[in-house]
Protein backbone atom coordinates (compact mmCIF):
# COMPACT_ATOMS: atom_id res chain seq x y z
CA UNK A 1 -35.89 121.81 -106.81
CA UNK A 2 -35.90 125.60 -106.72
CA UNK A 3 -33.65 125.54 -103.64
CA UNK A 4 -30.87 123.59 -105.35
CA UNK A 5 -28.28 126.04 -106.58
CA UNK A 6 -25.84 123.44 -107.91
CA UNK A 7 -27.19 119.91 -108.56
CA UNK A 8 -23.84 118.22 -109.32
CA UNK A 9 -20.28 118.83 -108.06
CA UNK A 10 -17.38 116.78 -109.41
CA UNK A 11 -14.02 115.93 -107.79
CA UNK A 12 -15.46 116.07 -104.28
CA UNK A 13 -13.41 114.30 -101.63
CA UNK A 14 -15.23 112.49 -98.81
CA UNK A 15 -12.79 112.42 -95.89
CA UNK A 16 -12.82 109.61 -93.36
CA UNK A 17 -12.56 110.96 -89.79
CA UNK A 18 -11.56 107.54 -88.38
CA UNK A 19 -8.61 106.91 -90.71
CA UNK A 20 -7.47 110.27 -92.13
CA UNK A 21 -5.31 108.65 -94.82
CA UNK A 22 -8.35 107.08 -96.44
CA UNK A 23 -10.49 109.41 -98.48
CA UNK A 24 -12.75 108.84 -101.44
CA UNK A 25 -13.10 111.02 -104.52
CA UNK A 26 -16.35 111.20 -106.43
CA UNK A 27 -19.36 113.24 -107.49
CA UNK A 28 -21.82 114.86 -105.10
CA UNK A 29 -25.40 115.08 -106.39
CA UNK A 30 -28.14 117.14 -104.73
CA UNK A 31 -31.73 116.17 -105.34
CA UNK A 32 -34.92 117.51 -103.82
CA UNK A 33 -34.86 114.80 -101.13
CA UNK A 34 -31.33 113.36 -100.90
CA UNK A 35 -27.63 114.17 -101.15
CA UNK A 36 -25.83 111.38 -102.99
CA UNK A 37 -22.07 110.87 -103.06
CA UNK A 38 -20.95 108.50 -105.83
CA UNK A 39 -17.38 107.26 -105.53
CA UNK A 40 -15.50 107.30 -108.82
CA UNK A 41 -12.16 105.75 -107.77
CA UNK A 42 -13.06 102.08 -107.66
CA UNK A 43 -14.56 99.76 -110.23
CA UNK A 44 -17.44 99.13 -107.84
CA UNK A 45 -19.98 101.91 -107.75
CA UNK A 46 -20.15 102.89 -104.11
CA UNK A 47 -22.87 105.36 -103.15
CA UNK A 48 -23.59 107.22 -99.92
CA UNK A 49 -27.15 108.53 -99.61
CA UNK A 50 -28.26 111.07 -97.02
CA UNK A 51 -31.89 112.05 -96.63
CA UNK A 52 -32.13 115.83 -96.20
CA UNK A 53 -34.56 115.52 -93.30
CA UNK A 54 -31.83 113.58 -91.41
CA UNK A 55 -29.35 116.46 -91.65
CA UNK A 56 -28.98 118.18 -88.29
CA UNK A 57 -26.38 120.81 -89.19
CA UNK A 58 -24.14 121.92 -92.02
CA UNK A 59 -20.92 123.80 -91.29
CA UNK A 60 -18.75 125.46 -93.89
CA UNK A 61 -15.20 125.50 -92.57
CA UNK A 62 -12.16 127.59 -93.44
CA UNK A 63 -10.82 127.04 -96.95
CA UNK A 64 -7.59 125.03 -97.17
CA UNK A 65 -5.15 124.33 -99.99
CA UNK A 66 -6.95 121.06 -100.77
CA UNK A 67 -10.40 122.66 -100.99
CA UNK A 68 -13.26 124.00 -98.95
CA UNK A 69 -14.39 121.58 -96.17
CA UNK A 70 -18.10 121.10 -95.56
CA UNK A 71 -19.11 119.23 -92.40
CA UNK A 72 -22.53 117.56 -92.42
CA UNK A 73 -23.84 116.21 -89.11
CA UNK A 74 -26.87 113.93 -89.25
CA UNK A 75 -29.54 113.14 -86.66
CA UNK A 76 -28.52 109.45 -86.78
CA UNK A 77 -24.98 110.45 -85.61
CA UNK A 78 -23.46 110.06 -89.06
CA UNK A 79 -20.82 112.71 -89.77
CA UNK A 80 -19.69 113.45 -93.33
CA UNK A 81 -16.78 115.72 -94.18
CA UNK A 82 -16.69 116.78 -97.82
CA UNK A 83 -13.82 118.70 -99.36
CA UNK A 84 -15.09 120.65 -102.38
CA UNK A 85 -12.39 121.99 -104.76
CA UNK A 86 -13.91 125.42 -105.46
CA UNK A 87 -15.16 127.79 -102.75
CA UNK A 88 -18.14 129.13 -104.80
CA UNK A 89 -19.32 125.55 -105.37
CA UNK A 90 -18.96 124.83 -101.65
CA UNK A 91 -20.98 127.92 -100.80
CA UNK A 92 -23.76 126.90 -103.23
CA UNK A 93 -23.90 123.37 -101.76
CA UNK A 94 -23.89 124.82 -98.24
CA UNK A 95 -26.82 127.14 -98.97
CA UNK A 96 -28.74 124.38 -100.73
CA UNK A 97 -28.27 121.91 -97.88
CA UNK A 98 -29.22 124.53 -95.30
CA UNK A 99 -32.47 125.25 -97.14
CA UNK A 100 -33.32 121.62 -98.00
CA UNK A 101 -32.62 120.26 -94.53
CA UNK A 102 -34.71 122.89 -92.71
CA UNK A 103 -37.88 123.53 -94.73
CA UNK A 104 -39.89 126.62 -93.87
CA UNK A 105 -43.31 125.05 -94.45
CA UNK A 106 -44.50 121.52 -93.73
CA UNK A 107 -45.61 121.01 -97.36
CA UNK A 108 -41.91 121.15 -98.33
CA UNK A 109 -41.24 117.94 -96.37
CA UNK A 110 -40.24 114.73 -98.14
CA UNK A 111 -43.54 112.99 -97.36
CA UNK A 112 -45.43 115.60 -99.41
CA UNK A 113 -43.12 115.43 -102.42
CA UNK A 114 -44.85 112.57 -104.29
CA UNK A 115 -46.32 113.76 -107.57
CA UNK A 116 -48.09 111.07 -109.63
CA UNK A 117 -48.02 111.21 -113.41
């Protein structure tokens, strides 16, 4: 948890690369093991979970008028493009994902994170 600079970002837009007109707005949560995007537009609670160990690369792109794009490429060929409204929030998420997806020591891996009560 010490690597998470910002655990929750609101008003994040998840852009669809296949049909650019369709995007979803919601909340992006960062946990010690997963990134979770919860869509807030629909009555149904749609969630997108990404395990940090599946993240291959994170790219922070040039800021636009609609926000700061963050491109997440996964090892299972899933590509997520988030548009975060504020640049400082985008930078914090970028640094957190970089650190969480590429641990420095093997004891920081997900399989060693279980802590019984």
